[in-house]
Protein backbone atom coordinates (compact mmCIF):
# COMPACT_ATOMS: atom_id res chain seq x y z
CA UNK A 1 95.68 7.69 146.04
CA UNK A 2 92.87 7.21 143.51
CA UNK A 3 94.21 10.19 141.55
CA UNK A 4 97.62 8.56 141.41
CA UNK A 5 96.17 5.30 140.05
CA UNK A 6 94.17 7.25 137.46
CA UNK A 7 97.35 9.02 136.37
CA UNK A 8 99.31 5.75 136.11
CA UNK A 9 96.50 4.10 134.14
CA UNK A 10 96.34 7.01 131.70
CA UNK A 11 100.09 6.95 131.22
CA UNK A 12 100.13 3.20 130.55
CA UNK A 13 97.26 3.57 128.11
CA UNK A 14 99.14 6.25 126.14
CA UNK A 15 102.27 4.09 126.04
CA UNK A 16 100.27 1.07 124.88
CA UNK A 17 98.54 2.99 122.11
CA UNK A 18 101.87 4.51 121.05
CA UNK A 19 103.43 1.04 120.97
CA UNK A 20 100.59 -0.23 118.82
CA UNK A 21 101.06 2.70 116.47
CA UNK A 22 104.82 2.07 116.21
CA UNK A 23 104.28 -1.62 115.60
CA UNK A 24 101.89 -0.73 112.81
CA UNK A 25 104.54 1.52 111.22
CA UNK A 26 107.16 -1.20 111.57
CA UNK A 27 104.83 -3.69 109.96
CA UNK A 28 104.28 -1.26 107.11
CA UNK A 29 108.03 -0.73 106.72
CA UNK A 30 108.73 -4.44 106.71
CA UNK A 31 105.74 -5.66 104.76
CA UNK A 32 108.14 -6.93 102.08
CA UNK A 33 110.23 -10.06 102.32
CA UNK A 34 114.03 -9.71 102.04
CA UNK A 35 113.83 -11.09 98.52
CA UNK A 36 111.17 -8.57 97.57
CA UNK A 37 113.24 -5.72 98.99
CA UNK A 38 116.32 -6.87 97.04
CA UNK A 39 114.29 -7.16 93.87
CA UNK A 40 112.99 -3.64 94.41
CA UNK A 41 116.54 -2.40 94.85
CA UNK A 42 117.61 -4.28 91.74
CA UNK A 43 114.87 -2.58 89.74
CA UNK A 44 115.81 0.77 91.27
CA UNK A 45 119.48 0.40 90.33
CA UNK A 46 118.64 -0.80 86.83
CA UNK A 47 116.46 2.25 86.27
CA UNK A 48 119.12 4.56 87.69
CA UNK A 49 121.86 3.23 85.44
CA UNK A 50 119.65 3.80 82.40
CA UNK A 51 118.34 7.18 83.50
CA UNK A 52 121.27 9.46 82.59
CA UNK A 53 121.25 10.69 78.99
CA UNK A 54 125.04 10.66 78.66
CA UNK A 55 125.73 7.91 81.16
CA UNK A 56 127.85 8.13 84.28
CA UNK A 57 131.33 9.21 85.32
CA UNK A 58 133.44 7.85 88.15
CA UNK A 59 136.94 8.85 89.24
CA UNK A 60 138.07 5.57 90.77
CA UNK A 61 140.72 5.82 93.50
CA UNK A 62 141.33 2.14 94.16
CA UNK A 63 143.62 2.86 97.13
CA UNK A 64 144.51 6.49 97.76
CA UNK A 65 147.40 5.52 100.04
CA UNK A 66 149.47 4.24 97.12
CA UNK A 67 147.62 4.97 93.86
CA UNK A 68 145.85 7.80 92.10
CA UNK A 69 142.48 8.09 90.41
CA UNK A 70 141.31 6.78 87.04
CA UNK A 71 138.36 8.38 85.27
CA UNK A 72 135.82 5.98 83.77
CA UNK A 73 132.76 6.78 81.68
CA UNK A 74 129.82 4.35 81.40
CA UNK A 75 126.75 4.39 79.14
CA UNK A 76 124.40 1.56 80.06
CA UNK A 77 121.81 0.06 77.71
CA UNK A 78 118.65 -2.00 78.27
CA UNK A 79 120.11 -4.98 76.39
CA UNK A 80 122.74 -5.49 79.10
CA UNK A 81 125.58 -3.83 77.26
CA UNK A 82 127.68 -0.90 78.40
CA UNK A 83 129.87 1.51 76.47
CA UNK A 84 132.97 2.44 78.42
CA UNK A 85 136.01 4.68 78.16
CA UNK A 86 138.79 5.54 80.60
CA UNK A 87 142.00 7.52 81.01
CA UNK A 88 143.93 4.53 82.35
CA UNK A 89 146.36 5.04 79.49
CA UNK A 90 146.48 6.91 76.18
CA UNK A 91 143.70 4.74 74.73
CA UNK A 92 140.59 6.79 75.49
CA UNK A 93 138.43 5.10 72.83
CA UNK A 94 134.97 3.81 73.69
CA UNK A 95 134.52 0.03 73.99
CA UNK A 96 131.40 -2.08 74.34
CA UNK A 97 130.97 -4.95 76.78
CA UNK A 98 128.33 -6.53 79.02
CA UNK A 99 127.12 -5.87 82.54
CA UNK A 100 124.57 -7.29 84.96
CA UNK A 101 122.73 -6.01 87.99
CA UNK A 102 123.00 -9.01 90.28
CA UNK A 103 121.38 -10.16 93.51
CA UNK A 104 123.49 -11.48 96.36
CA UNK A 105 123.61 -10.42 99.97
CA UNK A 106 123.00 -7.02 98.42
CA UNK A 107 122.43 -5.59 94.93
CA UNK A 108 125.47 -4.90 92.77
CA UNK A 109 126.46 -3.94 89.25
CA UNK A 110 129.00 -6.34 87.75
CA UNK A 111 130.94 -5.79 84.55
CA UNK A 112 130.79 -9.36 83.31
CA UNK A 113 132.91 -9.16 80.17
CA UNK A 114 136.29 -7.52 79.84
CA UNK A 115 136.51 -3.79 79.35
CA UNK A 116 138.58 -0.83 80.55
CA UNK A 117 137.54 -1.21 84.20
CA UNK A 118 139.22 -4.63 84.31
CA UNK A 119 142.65 -3.09 83.73
CA UNK A 120 142.59 -2.06 87.38
CA UNK A 121 141.90 -5.57 88.68
CA UNK A 122 144.35 -7.74 86.73
CA UNK A 123 146.90 -9.12 89.19
CA UNK A 124 149.62 -9.48 86.57
CA UNK A 125 149.31 -5.84 85.51
CA UNK A 126 151.00 -3.85 88.27
CA UNK A 127 152.71 -0.43 88.24
CA UNK A 128 155.46 -0.97 90.84
CA UNK A 129 157.20 -3.99 92.41
CA UNK A 130 155.37 -3.45 95.72
CA UNK A 131 152.10 -4.21 93.91
CA UNK A 132 153.37 -7.35 92.21
CA UNK A 133 150.53 -9.91 91.91
CA UNK A 134 148.10 -7.25 93.20
CA UNK A 135 147.69 -5.12 90.10
CA UNK A 136 146.08 -1.73 90.61
CA UNK A 137 143.93 -2.99 93.51
CA UNK A 138 140.77 -2.36 91.53
CA UNK A 139 137.40 -4.07 91.22
CA UNK A 140 134.73 -4.65 88.60
CA UNK A 141 131.82 -5.37 90.98
CA UNK A 142 130.26 -2.49 92.88
CA UNK A 143 127.72 -2.93 95.68
CA UNK A 144 124.74 -0.58 95.57
CA UNK A 145 124.22 1.63 98.64
CA UNK A 146 121.60 4.08 97.38
CA UNK A 147 121.65 7.55 95.87
CA UNK A 148 122.33 11.07 97.07
CA UNK A 149 121.96 14.39 95.26
CA UNK A 150 121.63 12.63 91.93
CA UNK A 151 124.74 10.47 92.49
CA UNK A 152 124.77 6.68 92.75
CA UNK A 153 126.62 5.44 95.82
CA UNK A 154 128.53 2.17 95.59
CA UNK A 155 131.05 0.33 97.69
CA UNK A 156 133.71 -1.75 96.00
CA UNK A 157 133.40 -5.48 96.52
CA UNK A 158 137.12 -5.92 97.08
CA UNK A 159 137.90 -3.26 99.66
CA UNK A 160 134.58 -1.73 100.69
CA UNK A 161 135.68 1.75 99.59
CA UNK A 162 132.99 4.21 98.57
CA UNK A 163 132.73 4.98 94.86
CA UNK A 164 130.27 7.49 93.42
CA UNK A 165 128.85 7.63 89.92
CA UNK A 166 127.92 11.16 88.86
CA UNK A 167 125.93 12.01 85.77
CA UNK A 168 128.20 12.41 82.77
CA UNK A 169 127.86 15.11 80.15
CA UNK A 170 128.49 15.04 76.42
CA UNK A 171 131.69 17.01 77.10
CA UNK A 172 132.94 14.35 79.49
CA UNK A 173 133.14 11.92 76.56
CA UNK A 174 134.67 14.33 74.07
CA UNK A 175 137.11 15.84 76.58
CA UNK A 176 138.44 12.59 78.02
CA UNK A 177 141.60 12.69 75.84
CA UNK A 178 142.42 16.02 77.51
CA UNK A 179 143.08 14.06 80.71
CA UNK A 180 146.03 12.40 78.98
CA UNK A 181 147.35 15.78 77.88
CA UNK A 182 147.00 16.98 81.47
CA UNK A 183 149.03 14.00 82.62
CA UNK A 184 152.03 15.42 80.77
CA UNK A 185 151.49 18.76 82.50
CA UNK A 186 151.51 17.02 85.88
CA UNK A 187 154.65 15.06 85.03
CA UNK A 188 156.29 18.22 83.69
CA UNK A 189 158.01 18.83 80.38
CA UNK A 190 161.73 18.83 79.68
CA UNK A 191 161.70 22.61 80.01
CA UNK A 192 160.37 22.52 83.59
CA UNK A 193 162.52 22.11 86.72
CA UNK A 194 162.44 18.76 88.50
CA UNK A 195 161.78 20.33 91.87
CA UNK A 196 158.32 21.28 93.03
CA UNK A 197 156.68 22.39 96.22
CA UNK A 198 153.23 22.51 97.71
CA UNK A 199 152.45 25.86 99.31
CA UNK A 200 149.40 26.25 101.53
CA UNK A 201 147.81 29.46 102.78
CA UNK A 202 145.19 29.22 105.52
CA UNK A 203 144.44 32.93 105.29
CA UNK A 204 146.87 33.70 108.10
CA UNK A 205 150.05 31.72 107.52
CA UNK A 206 151.89 30.18 104.57
CA UNK A 207 153.51 26.74 104.85
CA UNK A 208 155.77 25.00 102.35
CA UNK A 209 156.14 21.31 101.62
CA UNK A 210 158.38 19.41 99.26
CA UNK A 211 156.40 17.71 96.50
CA UNK A 212 157.20 14.59 94.52
CA UNK A 213 154.94 12.89 92.00
CA UNK A 214 155.07 9.45 90.40
CA UNK A 215 153.41 9.20 87.00
CA UNK A 216 153.48 5.40 87.22
CA UNK A 217 151.26 5.29 90.30
CA UNK A 218 149.64 8.73 89.97
CA UNK A 219 150.62 9.30 93.58
CA UNK A 220 152.20 12.33 95.24
CA UNK A 221 154.03 12.76 98.53
CA UNK A 222 154.49 16.08 100.25
CA UNK A 223 156.23 16.75 103.57
CA UNK A 224 156.76 19.95 105.53
CA UNK A 225 160.21 21.50 105.28
CA UNK A 226 159.70 23.57 108.43
CA UNK A 227 161.38 22.53 111.66
CA UNK A 228 158.78 21.49 114.23
CA UNK A 229 155.95 21.45 111.71
CA UNK A 230 155.30 17.80 110.93
CA UNK A 231 152.29 18.02 108.61
CA UNK A 232 152.40 15.80 105.51
CA UNK A 233 150.10 15.42 102.53
CA UNK A 234 150.20 12.13 100.64
CA UNK A 235 147.58 11.98 97.93
CA UNK A 236 146.37 10.08 94.92
CA UNK A 237 146.06 12.21 91.80
CA UNK A 238 143.43 11.99 89.09
CA UNK A 239 143.50 13.97 85.85
CA UNK A 240 140.82 16.31 84.54
CA UNK A 241 140.66 18.41 81.36
CA UNK A 242 141.50 21.52 83.40
CA UNK A 243 143.80 20.19 86.13
CA UNK A 244 143.82 17.48 88.75
CA UNK A 245 141.62 16.08 91.50
CA UNK A 246 143.26 14.64 94.62
CA UNK A 247 142.27 12.12 97.28
CA UNK A 248 142.47 12.43 100.20
CA UNK A 249 141.79 16.15 100.15
CA UNK A 250 144.42 18.69 101.12
CA UNK A 251 142.97 20.18 104.30
CA UNK A 252 143.90 23.82 104.86
CA UNK A 253 142.34 26.05 107.48
CA UNK A 254 139.60 23.49 108.10
CA UNK A 255 138.68 23.40 104.39
CA UNK A 256 139.10 20.33 102.21
CA UNK A 257 140.61 21.16 98.82
CA UNK A 258 140.38 18.55 96.07
CA UNK A 259 140.28 20.33 92.70
CA UNK A 260 143.44 21.99 91.40
CA UNK A 261 143.34 24.13 88.23
CA UNK A 262 146.32 24.15 85.87
CA UNK A 263 148.11 27.36 84.85
CA UNK A 264 149.93 26.79 81.56
CA UNK A 265 152.07 29.91 81.98
CA UNK A 266 154.05 28.74 85.01
CA UNK A 267 152.98 25.09 85.23
CA UNK A 268 151.31 25.51 88.62
CA UNK A 269 148.14 23.87 89.96
CA UNK A 270 145.96 25.87 92.34
CA UNK A 271 143.08 24.86 94.60
CA UNK A 272 141.05 27.76 95.97
CA UNK A 273 138.86 27.77 99.05
CA UNK A 274 137.18 30.66 100.83
CA UNK A 275 138.55 33.46 103.02
CA UNK A 276 141.97 33.39 101.40
CA UNK A 277 142.53 29.64 101.72
CA UNK A 278 144.61 28.17 98.88
CA UNK A 279 146.94 25.31 98.05
CA UNK A 280 149.38 25.66 95.14
CA UNK A 281 151.68 23.08 93.55
CA UNK A 282 154.46 24.95 91.77
CA UNK A 283 158.01 24.68 90.49
CA UNK A 284 161.22 25.74 92.16
CA UNK A 285 164.72 25.85 90.68
CA UNK A 286 166.39 23.88 93.46
CA UNK A 287 165.51 21.42 96.22
CA UNK A 288 163.68 23.01 99.13
CA UNK A 289 166.01 21.26 101.55
CA UNK A 290 169.70 21.05 100.66
CA UNK A 291 171.64 18.26 102.34
CA UNK A 292 175.28 17.34 102.80
CA UNK A 293 174.74 13.97 101.08
CA UNK A 294 177.07 15.03 98.26
CA UNK A 295 180.07 15.01 100.62
CA UNK A 296 180.30 11.23 100.40
CA UNK A 297 181.94 11.75 96.99
CA UNK A 298 184.48 14.44 97.86
CA UNK A 299 188.21 13.74 97.62
CA UNK A 300 189.61 12.09 100.73
CA UNK A 301 186.44 10.09 101.44
CA UNK A 302 186.34 6.27 101.21
CA UNK A 303 185.61 4.73 97.84
CA UNK A 304 181.93 4.93 96.88
CA UNK A 305 180.23 3.03 94.07
CA UNK A 306 176.80 3.94 92.68
CA UNK A 307 175.03 2.04 89.91
CA UNK A 308 172.02 2.30 87.63
CA UNK A 309 171.24 -0.89 85.68
CA UNK A 310 168.78 -1.38 82.84
CA UNK A 311 167.99 -4.97 83.84
CA UNK A 312 166.98 -4.48 87.48
CA UNK A 313 164.81 -2.41 89.79
CA UNK A 314 166.73 0.82 89.32
CA UNK A 315 165.17 1.15 85.87
CA UNK A 316 161.73 1.10 87.52
CA UNK A 317 162.52 3.79 90.09
CA UNK A 318 159.88 6.52 90.21
CA UNK A 319 162.60 9.10 90.82
CA UNK A 320 164.16 8.63 87.39
CA UNK A 321 163.08 11.57 85.27
CA UNK A 322 161.48 11.39 81.81
CA UNK A 323 164.49 13.21 80.38
CA UNK A 324 166.78 10.56 81.81
CA UNK A 325 164.81 7.79 80.11
CA UNK A 326 164.74 9.76 76.86
CA UNK A 327 168.53 10.08 76.93
CA UNK A 328 168.93 6.34 77.44
CA UNK A 329 166.76 5.79 74.38
CA UNK A 330 168.97 8.17 72.42
CA UNK A 331 172.03 6.11 73.28
CA UNK A 332 170.38 2.89 72.15
CA UNK A 333 169.10 4.52 68.96
CA UNK A 334 172.64 5.64 68.11
CA UNK A 335 174.22 2.21 68.65
CA UNK A 336 174.41 -0.53 66.01
CA UNK A 337 171.88 -3.34 66.09
CA UNK A 338 172.52 -5.77 68.93
CA UNK A 339 174.15 -3.16 71.15
CA UNK A 340 172.57 -1.23 74.02
CA UNK A 341 173.39 0.56 77.24
CA UNK A 342 173.53 -1.80 80.24
CA UNK A 343 174.58 0.37 83.17
CA UNK A 344 175.74 3.79 84.27
CA UNK A 345 177.99 3.58 87.31
CA UNK A 346 179.82 6.26 89.23
CA UNK A 347 182.94 5.51 91.24
CA UNK A 348 184.45 8.13 93.51
CA UNK A 349 187.88 7.85 95.17
CA UNK A 350 188.57 4.50 93.52
CA UNK A 351 192.15 3.24 93.33
CA UNK A 352 192.25 4.40 89.67
CA UNK A 353 190.45 7.68 90.36
CA UNK A 354 186.94 9.00 90.07
CA UNK A 355 185.04 8.05 86.91
CA UNK A 356 181.70 7.40 85.25
CA UNK A 357 181.64 3.80 84.04
CA UNK A 358 179.39 2.99 81.07
CA UNK A 359 178.75 -0.67 80.25
CA UNK A 360 176.94 -2.05 77.24
CA UNK A 361 175.45 -5.14 75.73
CA UNK A 362 177.51 -6.11 72.71
CA UNK A 363 180.44 -3.73 73.12
CA UNK A 364 183.28 -2.86 75.49
CA UNK A 365 182.74 -0.55 78.49
CA UNK A 366 183.91 3.04 78.64
CA UNK A 367 185.38 5.00 81.54
CA UNK A 368 184.96 8.76 81.72
CA UNK A 369 187.59 9.90 84.23
CA UNK A 370 186.68 13.10 86.07
CA UNK A 371 187.65 15.23 89.02
CA UNK A 372 185.18 16.42 91.65
CA UNK A 373 184.86 20.02 92.71
CA UNK A 374 182.76 21.00 95.70
CA UNK A 375 180.14 23.76 95.54
CA UNK A 376 179.77 24.19 99.29
CA UNK A 377 177.30 27.08 99.05
CA UNK A 378 175.05 25.21 96.63
CA UNK A 379 175.60 21.86 98.41
CA UNK A 380 176.40 20.04 95.18
CA UNK A 381 179.34 18.69 93.21
CA UNK A 382 180.75 19.64 89.82
CA UNK A 383 182.36 16.95 87.70
CA UNK A 384 185.29 18.08 85.53
CA UNK A 385 186.47 16.11 82.49
CA UNK A 386 189.89 14.42 82.60
CA UNK A 387 189.96 11.65 80.02
CA UNK A 388 188.19 8.79 78.31
CA UNK A 389 189.76 5.44 79.22
CA UNK A 390 192.86 7.36 80.30
CA UNK A 391 193.29 9.14 76.95
CA UNK A 392 193.17 12.91 77.42
CA UNK A 393 192.98 13.68 73.70
CA UNK A 394 189.92 11.57 72.84
CA UNK A 395 186.61 13.37 72.53
CA UNK A 396 183.40 12.17 74.14
CA UNK A 397 181.93 9.38 71.96
CA UNK A 398 179.13 10.82 69.86
CA UNK A 399 176.53 8.32 71.01
CA UNK A 400 177.19 9.26 74.67
CA UNK A 401 177.60 13.01 74.28
CA UNK A 402 173.99 14.00 74.87
CA UNK A 403 173.63 11.82 77.99
CA UNK A 404 177.04 12.51 79.48
CA UNK A 405 176.66 16.29 79.37
CA UNK A 406 174.00 16.18 82.09
CA UNK A 407 176.33 14.48 84.56
CA UNK A 408 178.97 17.01 83.58
CA UNK A 409 176.61 19.94 84.19
CA UNK A 410 178.94 22.93 84.78
CA UNK A 411 176.41 24.28 87.27
CA UNK A 412 176.74 21.10 89.30
CA UNK A 413 174.67 18.08 90.30
CA UNK A 414 172.74 17.41 93.48
CA UNK A 415 173.38 14.14 95.28
CA UNK A 416 170.62 12.88 97.56
CA UNK A 417 170.44 9.88 99.83
CA UNK A 418 166.82 8.73 99.53
CA UNK A 419 164.74 7.30 102.37
CA UNK A 420 163.18 4.53 100.25
CA UNK A 421 164.52 1.22 98.99
CA UNK A 422 164.25 -0.50 95.61
CA UNK A 423 163.30 -4.00 96.80
CA UNK A 424 166.77 -4.75 98.15
CA UNK A 425 168.42 -3.30 101.25
CA UNK A 426 170.92 -1.16 99.32
CA UNK A 427 170.76 2.57 100.01
CA UNK A 428 169.36 4.57 97.09
CA UNK A 429 171.01 7.76 95.83
CA UNK A 430 169.77 10.13 93.15
CA UNK A 431 171.94 12.35 90.93
CA UNK A 432 170.16 15.44 89.62
CA UNK A 433 171.39 18.05 87.18
CA UNK A 434 170.94 21.50 88.69
CA UNK A 435 170.32 23.07 85.27
CA UNK A 436 167.87 20.60 83.74
CA UNK A 437 165.21 17.99 84.64
CA UNK A 438 167.69 15.10 84.42
CA UNK A 439 167.69 12.72 87.38
CA UNK A 440 169.22 9.24 87.67
CA UNK A 441 168.46 6.78 90.45
CA UNK A 442 171.19 4.42 91.66
CA UNK A 443 171.99 1.89 94.31
CA UNK A 444 175.02 2.49 96.52
CA UNK A 445 176.87 -0.76 96.03
CA UNK A 446 179.56 -0.51 98.70
């Protein structure tokens, strides 16, 4: 029994001494007051911000469920000023403003006077109607959460999302305008098809996804075209001098791919992992999935009315192509002062026939009467000229000729019933030339 008591006493003694030791460590760890700890963090962050020779770079994804990334460069100075540049738009110049490292419940860096970062936080500056009064969901105060591998870790004050500052290089500043050039490569030139796909290879199997990109939001959506394979990739896109960076990552074969390199020859973007894992965004000459949506316009069907209008939400549709907008501008440039295009409407199986109806500000409307021919194999329609305003001998008006030819594409046009809405409940249809990157977005109005 005595041996047992000796053993218990020894055990308790060890535990007591250990507890004393731990308490001593805790006292050492917490020998500073909260204010002292915050002041130490403030000094630490101040020194960090000033420590990088060429400043810091951050690709800011304010909300990668709806928006892409915006590259910002910062060069902090001891006098409380910061030089800043961004690729928010084509203005990549460097601007000077003020910043503070502030104490609150935690330490944060705050950009106190207006600069490029504030473009993401202005509520009246929004890219799409769904973000009205919300802007680009950005912030200009970042809460300090430490450092890792030479990077400064912040969380945004507005949403609590992690944002990392990495050390910038001299090339980051000089190459920033290349991001804007890359934007045009992502959007695609007039000589590129409108249709793209995302193709993944996990080293064993290849999967294909449709791919659509909005330059306005820098956001891409990609859904599997394979029956029974329901994987989707929706991602924010940020531009780099050599390609794009995406968030969230495209996960293939257990690997997270974020950096895609641009190939100027074919317009593709490729992310490469290990063991044969890749993800490629590339062009295709036709939609990956062909539908029967075009049949709504065939002879014998009820009357259908589709309309694009320059004074409503159809003009803001992300599915309108750059070529489409350029052709609208051509029309307006060709018209006399005070006149402009107001709408492009398509009526099929109307009491007076099938026609494209052009309306204008400051001049009378025009009706281009056509017939519709079905391309059943290609799942598209071909519009054939009949007359202008019922006159079969009148040529296409010169100011409309360039625009009208795309709807009259002899190779046909694709008609697609979209699964999104443009504010109102009307169904949205797109009309796409099969021979060029011309796409017009309309409401179905009856």
